[in-house]
Amino acid sequence: MMDGNSLITTDKFLNDDSKADIVMDVAEAVVTEENKFTDTDVAVNTDNAQSVGTPLFQKLSRSNENKNILEYNPNSMDISKYNELSEQDVNSKINYSDAASYWSEVPPTVDGMLGGFARISSADIKGSETFLKSLFNRKDKPGRARCVDCGAGIGRITKRLLQRHFGKVDMVEQSRKFTDTARENFADNPKLGEIYCMGLQDFAPAEAVYDVIWVQWVIIYLPDADLVAFFRRMGRALKPNGMLVVKDNFTSGELNDPNSIIFDEQDSSVTRPMEYIVELATKKAGLQLLRTTLQKNFPKHLFKVYMLAFRPADQCSL
C-alpha cells in the first residue's frame, strides 16, 4: 500500500545506475478550498456532471466498485498475464472509427473535453505544472523552445499550461470540430505552432523537433502495436534532453483478473495497468522511465492518475 508521502523506486524498469534518480512521488498540487475542482474558464453544472460523463470518467466510477484503484507495485504482477489478456480481449476490439464517431457528438468545451468533470481542470493543471517544473529542475532538463500537445482537443492544456512554458506549441487532434475551436481560441496567439488534424496512430513528426511531447488521456485509444509504434516515433522526434510525458488513468487488480484491462465499447477505449504501459514503453519502444508522479486532488471515486516522463534509452546516462 502506498500513501501520499511514499517514495517508491521503480526498480523493475531501471538499470542500476539510474535507480537513485528515479522515484515515484506525489505532485504538490496545492488547491485551496475556494478553487478545488473548479475551472475559471467554464461554469460547471455539477448536478449534471455524472450524467454527461464520457467513458473516460464513467468507467472510473465503475472500477471503484470492483476495487481496481491503482496501487502501484512494479514487482507485484506478471506482465505476461497482461500481455495475454490484452492480445486476446482488447486490441482486436479497438476501432478508430467508433472512437471518432463517439467524440463527434461531444461539445467543443472544457466540460466536453473532461466528460462533465470540468471542475477537475484546475487541479489537473496545477499537478501537471508541478510535474513539468520538476523536469525543468533536472540537470539534464529539456529545452523550452517547442512542445506538442497530443490529443489536444480544444487546446485546454496548451492554453492553461504549455504555452506558458514553451516558445511554440503544436497540437495533434483527430476531431476537425475540436481543431477548429482551438484555432478560434488561439487566434493571433504567437505561441500556437502547427495544428495537425489526425489521430496519434498517423502522427509522424520529423526527427529532433520537440523538447517535450505531452500526451494526456489519449493512449487509451491506441491498441498495443500502434502505441508502441507511436512511442518509437515520439522518441525519435525528441531533441537531446527532450522528454515524452504521458498522463493518464490506470487500472490494477489481481493476477489473471480480466477487469485489470478494461475495454469500453461506448468510445472504443482501453484502460490498462501502469506497469503494462511502462513495459510497452521501455521493453518494446526503447524508452527509459525517468519519473512517475501521482496527481493529487481528484475525486476519490476516479482512478488514480499518474504522470510518467520518458526519454529514449540511448540518450540516458549509463
Protein backbone atom coordinates (compact mmCIF):
# COMPACT_ATOMS: atom_id res chain seq x y z
CA MET A 1 0.00 0.00 0.00
CA MET A 2 1.33 3.43 -0.94
CA ASP A 3 0.46 6.56 1.00
CA GLY A 4 0.80 10.15 -0.15
CA ASN A 5 4.31 10.56 1.26
CA SER A 6 5.83 7.35 -0.03
CA LEU A 7 8.82 7.31 -2.36
CA ILE A 8 8.96 4.16 -4.45
CA THR A 9 11.81 3.33 -6.81
CA THR A 10 10.59 1.66 -9.98
CA ASP A 11 13.33 -0.97 -9.90
CA LYS A 12 11.77 -3.31 -12.41
CA PHE A 13 12.19 -0.86 -15.27
CA LEU A 14 15.52 0.80 -14.44
CA ASN A 15 19.19 -0.04 -14.76
CA ASP A 16 21.28 0.01 -11.58
CA ASP A 17 22.87 3.40 -12.27
CA SER A 18 19.51 5.09 -12.83
CA LYS A 19 17.61 3.83 -9.79
CA ALA A 20 18.83 6.50 -7.42
CA ASP A 21 17.42 9.27 -9.60
CA ILE A 22 14.05 7.77 -10.44
CA VAL A 23 11.36 7.99 -7.79
CA MET A 24 7.63 7.99 -7.64
CA ASP A 25 6.44 10.98 -5.67
CA VAL A 26 3.28 12.95 -5.08
CA ALA A 27 2.62 16.16 -7.00
CA GLU A 28 2.47 19.23 -4.78
CA ALA A 29 -0.70 20.44 -6.45
CA VAL A 30 -1.87 22.92 -3.83
CA VAL A 31 -5.57 23.58 -4.29
CA THR A 32 -7.47 25.90 -1.98
CA GLU A 33 -10.99 25.23 -0.77
CA GLU A 34 -12.17 28.08 -2.99
CA ASN A 35 -10.91 26.61 -6.25
CA LYS A 36 -10.86 22.87 -5.63
CA PHE A 37 -12.46 21.03 -8.55
CA THR A 38 -13.29 24.29 -10.33
CA ASP A 39 -12.21 25.84 -13.59
CA THR A 40 -12.08 29.57 -14.12
CA ASP A 41 -12.88 29.19 -17.81
CA VAL A 42 -16.23 27.42 -17.53
CA ALA A 43 -19.37 27.48 -15.47
CA VAL A 44 -19.92 23.97 -14.17
CA ASN A 45 -23.23 22.27 -13.54
CA THR A 46 -22.08 19.72 -11.00
CA ASP A 47 -25.50 18.10 -10.80
CA ASN A 48 -25.18 17.16 -14.47
CA ALA A 49 -21.54 16.11 -14.35
CA GLN A 50 -22.11 12.46 -13.55
CA SER A 51 -24.85 12.03 -16.15
CA VAL A 52 -22.93 13.53 -19.05
CA GLY A 53 -19.57 12.00 -18.17
CA THR A 54 -17.66 10.42 -21.04
CA PRO A 55 -16.43 6.83 -20.74
CA LEU A 56 -13.08 8.28 -19.70
CA PHE A 57 -14.61 9.11 -16.33
CA GLN A 58 -17.73 6.95 -16.20
CA LYS A 59 -15.61 3.81 -16.29
CA LEU A 60 -13.60 5.09 -13.35
CA SER A 61 -16.63 5.12 -11.09
CA ARG A 62 -17.48 1.56 -12.12
CA SER A 63 -13.95 0.41 -11.46
CA ASN A 64 -14.08 1.65 -7.89
CA GLU A 65 -16.87 -0.80 -7.24
CA ASN A 66 -14.50 -3.54 -8.42
CA LYS A 67 -11.72 -2.14 -6.21
CA ASN A 68 -9.48 -1.65 -9.23
CA ILE A 69 -7.93 1.53 -7.86
CA LEU A 70 -4.24 1.59 -8.69
CA GLU A 71 -1.75 0.62 -6.01
CA TYR A 72 1.49 0.66 -7.96
CA ASN A 73 3.99 -2.03 -7.06
CA PRO A 74 6.28 -2.79 -10.00
CA ASN A 75 7.14 -6.23 -8.62
CA SER A 76 3.63 -7.39 -7.85
CA MET A 77 2.40 -8.55 -11.26
CA ASP A 78 3.43 -10.89 -14.02
CA ILE A 79 3.31 -8.69 -17.12
CA SER A 80 2.96 -11.72 -19.38
CA LYS A 81 -0.51 -12.26 -17.95
CA TYR A 82 -1.49 -8.78 -19.09
CA ASN A 83 0.07 -9.38 -22.49
CA GLU A 84 -2.13 -12.45 -22.84
CA LEU A 85 -5.27 -10.65 -21.70
CA SER A 86 -4.64 -7.63 -23.89
CA GLU A 87 -3.81 -9.61 -27.01
CA GLN A 88 -6.86 -11.83 -26.73
CA ASP A 89 -9.51 -9.50 -25.37
CA VAL A 90 -8.67 -5.87 -26.12
CA ASN A 91 -6.57 -5.00 -29.15
CA SER A 92 -8.92 -6.58 -31.65
CA LYS A 93 -11.82 -4.58 -30.22
CA ILE A 94 -10.35 -1.09 -30.53
CA ASN A 95 -11.85 0.68 -33.53
CA TYR A 96 -10.68 4.14 -34.56
CA SER A 97 -13.87 4.90 -36.46
CA ASP A 98 -16.01 4.08 -33.43
CA ALA A 99 -13.90 6.35 -31.23
CA ALA A 100 -14.10 9.19 -33.76
CA SER A 101 -17.85 8.73 -34.01
CA TYR A 102 -18.19 8.95 -30.25
CA TRP A 103 -16.17 12.18 -30.00
CA SER A 104 -18.08 13.73 -32.89
CA GLU A 105 -21.04 14.01 -30.50
CA VAL A 106 -19.06 15.71 -27.72
CA PRO A 107 -19.34 19.51 -27.48
CA PRO A 108 -16.10 21.51 -28.01
CA THR A 109 -15.96 22.86 -24.45
CA VAL A 110 -13.83 22.25 -21.36
CA ASP A 111 -16.74 20.35 -19.86
CA GLY A 112 -16.98 18.26 -23.01
CA MET A 113 -13.24 17.51 -23.04
CA LEU A 114 -13.44 16.36 -19.42
CA GLY A 115 -16.69 14.43 -19.72
CA GLY A 116 -18.72 16.68 -17.47
CA PHE A 117 -15.89 16.97 -14.93
CA ALA A 118 -14.68 20.46 -15.80
CA ARG A 119 -14.35 21.07 -12.07
CA ILE A 120 -11.16 18.97 -12.00
CA SER A 121 -9.42 21.09 -14.64
CA SER A 122 -7.66 23.45 -12.24
CA ALA A 123 -6.36 20.61 -10.05
CA ASP A 124 -5.22 18.81 -13.20
CA ILE A 125 -3.30 21.82 -14.48
CA LYS A 126 -1.70 22.50 -11.10
CA GLY A 127 -0.49 18.91 -10.84
CA SER A 128 0.84 18.97 -14.39
CA GLU A 129 2.67 22.25 -13.84
CA THR A 130 4.34 20.93 -10.71
CA PHE A 131 5.45 17.85 -12.63
CA LEU A 132 6.71 19.89 -15.59
CA LYS A 133 8.68 22.20 -13.31
CA SER A 134 10.29 19.17 -11.69
CA LEU A 135 11.57 18.15 -15.12
CA PHE A 136 12.94 21.65 -15.73
CA ASN A 137 14.79 21.41 -12.41
CA ARG A 138 16.80 18.38 -13.53
CA LYS A 139 20.45 18.75 -14.56
CA ASP A 140 19.54 17.12 -17.85
CA LYS A 141 16.45 19.30 -18.26
CA PRO A 142 14.60 19.62 -21.56
CA GLY A 143 14.61 22.86 -23.54
CA ARG A 144 11.67 25.23 -23.77
CA ALA A 145 11.59 26.07 -27.46
CA ARG A 146 8.89 23.73 -28.80
CA CYS A 147 6.32 21.32 -27.38
CA VAL A 148 3.50 19.30 -28.87
CA ASP A 149 0.15 18.61 -27.19
CA CYS A 150 -1.02 15.16 -28.32
CA GLY A 151 -4.75 14.53 -28.11
CA ALA A 152 -5.12 18.28 -27.63
CA GLY A 153 -8.88 18.56 -28.00
CA ILE A 154 -9.76 22.26 -28.00
CA GLY A 155 -6.40 23.21 -26.51
CA ARG A 156 -7.24 23.21 -22.80
CA ILE A 157 -3.77 22.05 -21.74
CA THR A 158 -1.99 24.18 -24.32
CA LYS A 159 -3.85 27.26 -23.14
CA ARG A 160 -3.53 26.82 -19.40
CA LEU A 161 -0.12 25.12 -19.19
CA LEU A 162 2.08 24.54 -22.20
CA GLN A 163 2.01 27.98 -23.82
CA ARG A 164 3.30 29.46 -20.57
CA HIS A 165 6.41 27.29 -20.63
CA PHE A 166 7.33 26.92 -24.31
CA GLY A 167 8.03 29.28 -27.16
CA LYS A 168 5.81 27.34 -29.56
CA VAL A 169 3.22 24.64 -29.00
CA ASP A 170 1.92 22.36 -31.74
CA MET A 171 -1.31 20.40 -31.35
CA VAL A 172 -2.41 16.98 -32.58
CA GLU A 173 -6.13 16.24 -32.54
CA GLN A 174 -8.23 13.93 -34.72
CA SER A 175 -11.50 15.90 -34.47
CA ARG A 176 -11.90 18.72 -37.00
CA LYS A 177 -14.56 20.27 -34.77
CA PHE A 178 -12.09 20.48 -31.91
CA THR A 179 -9.21 21.81 -34.02
CA ASP A 180 -11.48 24.50 -35.49
CA THR A 181 -12.38 25.57 -31.95
CA ALA A 182 -8.71 25.59 -31.00
CA ARG A 183 -7.87 27.84 -33.93
CA GLU A 184 -10.55 30.28 -32.79
CA ASN A 185 -9.33 30.15 -29.20
CA PHE A 186 -5.74 30.84 -30.24
CA ALA A 187 -6.40 33.41 -32.97
CA ASP A 188 -3.43 35.81 -33.17
CA ASN A 189 -1.64 33.96 -30.37
CA PRO A 190 2.05 33.79 -31.39
CA LYS A 191 2.63 30.76 -29.16
CA LEU A 192 0.49 28.49 -31.35
CA GLY A 193 2.52 26.46 -33.82
CA GLU A 194 1.07 23.86 -36.16
CA ILE A 195 -2.25 22.08 -35.67
CA TYR A 196 -2.29 18.55 -37.05
CA CYS A 197 -5.79 17.15 -37.52
CA MET A 198 -5.08 13.43 -37.29
CA GLY A 199 -5.00 10.53 -34.87
CA LEU A 200 -1.84 9.68 -32.97
CA GLN A 201 -1.55 6.49 -34.98
CA ASP A 202 -0.78 8.70 -38.01
CA PHE A 203 1.31 11.41 -36.35
CA ALA A 204 4.91 11.13 -37.58
CA PRO A 205 6.89 14.31 -36.89
CA ALA A 206 10.42 14.91 -38.12
CA GLU A 207 13.35 13.84 -36.00
CA ALA A 208 14.62 16.02 -33.14
CA VAL A 209 11.97 18.75 -33.30
CA TYR A 210 10.39 18.73 -29.83
CA ASP A 211 11.72 19.50 -26.37
CA VAL A 212 8.66 17.98 -24.68
CA ILE A 213 5.87 15.81 -26.07
CA TRP A 214 2.80 15.95 -23.84
CA VAL A 215 0.32 13.04 -24.17
CA GLN A 216 -2.70 13.17 -21.87
CA TRP A 217 -5.81 11.00 -21.66
CA VAL A 218 -5.42 9.62 -25.17
CA ILE A 219 -3.27 6.46 -25.12
CA ILE A 220 -6.47 4.58 -24.20
CA TYR A 221 -7.49 4.78 -27.87
CA LEU A 222 -4.40 3.03 -29.26
CA PRO A 223 -4.00 -0.76 -29.44
CA ASP A 224 -0.68 -2.08 -28.21
CA ALA A 225 1.09 -2.27 -31.57
CA ASP A 226 0.12 1.27 -32.55
CA LEU A 227 1.00 2.57 -29.10
CA VAL A 228 4.49 1.04 -29.28
CA ALA A 229 4.95 2.47 -32.78
CA PHE A 230 3.79 5.87 -31.52
CA PHE A 231 6.24 5.75 -28.60
CA ARG A 232 9.08 4.92 -31.00
CA ARG A 233 8.23 7.80 -33.34
CA MET A 234 7.98 10.22 -30.43
CA GLY A 235 11.36 9.07 -29.14
CA ARG A 236 12.90 9.97 -32.49
CA ALA A 237 11.08 13.31 -32.54
CA LEU A 238 12.68 14.46 -29.27
CA LYS A 239 15.62 16.82 -29.20
CA PRO A 240 18.62 15.96 -27.00
CA ASN A 241 17.40 16.02 -23.37
CA GLY A 242 13.83 16.01 -24.64
CA MET A 243 11.12 14.17 -22.72
CA LEU A 244 7.90 12.35 -23.51
CA VAL A 245 5.26 12.92 -20.81
CA VAL A 246 2.29 10.56 -20.53
CA LYS A 247 -0.52 11.49 -18.15
CA ASP A 248 -3.39 9.06 -17.82
CA ASN A 249 -5.55 6.96 -15.56
CA PHE A 250 -4.54 3.38 -14.88
CA THR A 251 -6.12 0.18 -13.62
CA SER A 252 -4.91 -2.50 -11.26
CA GLY A 253 -6.20 -5.79 -9.92
CA GLU A 254 -5.34 -9.37 -9.12
CA LEU A 255 -3.35 -11.60 -11.44
CA ASN A 256 -5.45 -13.07 -14.25
CA ASP A 257 -8.26 -10.65 -13.40
CA PRO A 258 -9.91 -9.65 -16.69
CA ASN A 259 -11.04 -6.41 -15.07
CA SER A 260 -7.41 -5.29 -14.93
CA ILE A 261 -7.69 -4.29 -18.58
CA ILE A 262 -10.96 -2.52 -19.22
CA PHE A 263 -12.44 -2.08 -22.68
CA ASP A 264 -15.23 0.45 -23.09
CA GLU A 265 -17.49 -0.19 -26.05
CA GLN A 266 -19.03 3.27 -25.95
CA ASP A 267 -15.89 5.11 -27.05
CA SER A 268 -13.77 2.09 -28.11
CA SER A 269 -11.08 2.73 -25.49
CA VAL A 270 -8.97 0.52 -23.25
CA THR A 271 -7.57 1.36 -19.82
CA ARG A 272 -4.54 -0.67 -18.73
CA PRO A 273 -2.35 -1.07 -15.64
CA MET A 274 0.53 1.40 -15.43
CA GLU A 275 3.01 -1.47 -15.32
CA TYR A 276 1.75 -2.59 -18.66
CA ILE A 277 2.24 0.83 -20.29
CA VAL A 278 5.72 1.14 -18.81
CA GLU A 279 6.56 -2.32 -20.13
CA LEU A 280 5.48 -1.34 -23.65
CA ALA A 281 7.46 1.90 -23.49
CA THR A 282 10.67 0.52 -22.00
CA LYS A 283 10.91 -3.02 -23.31
CA LYS A 284 9.37 -2.59 -26.74
CA ALA A 285 9.75 1.10 -27.67
CA GLY A 286 13.28 1.77 -26.43
CA LEU A 287 12.38 4.40 -23.85
CA GLN A 288 13.56 4.79 -20.28
CA LEU A 289 11.33 5.84 -17.41
CA LEU A 290 12.65 8.94 -15.63
CA ARG A 291 9.94 9.97 -13.21
CA THR A 292 6.45 8.97 -12.12
CA THR A 293 4.20 11.23 -10.06
CA LEU A 294 0.71 10.85 -8.65
CA GLN A 295 -1.88 13.51 -9.46
CA LYS A 296 -3.50 14.84 -6.30
CA ASN A 297 -6.86 16.44 -5.57
CA PHE A 298 -9.03 14.41 -7.89
CA PRO A 299 -12.33 12.92 -6.66
CA LYS A 300 -11.66 9.69 -4.79
CA HIS A 301 -14.06 7.63 -6.91
CA LEU A 302 -11.89 8.12 -10.01
CA PHE A 303 -8.91 6.01 -10.93
CA LYS A 304 -5.66 7.42 -9.70
CA VAL A 305 -3.92 9.41 -12.42
CA TYR A 306 -0.16 9.37 -12.86
CA MET A 307 2.31 11.42 -14.88
CA LEU A 308 5.20 9.49 -16.43
CA ALA A 309 8.29 11.06 -18.02
CA PHE A 310 10.28 9.05 -20.56
CA ARG A 311 13.36 9.62 -22.67
CA PRO A 312 14.97 7.45 -25.35
CA ALA A 313 17.18 4.95 -23.54
CA ASP A 314 20.12 5.72 -25.80
CA GLN A 315 20.06 9.34 -24.56
CA CYS A 316 20.22 8.35 -20.90
CA SER A 317 23.46 8.12 -18.95
CA LEU A 318 24.55 4.55 -18.39
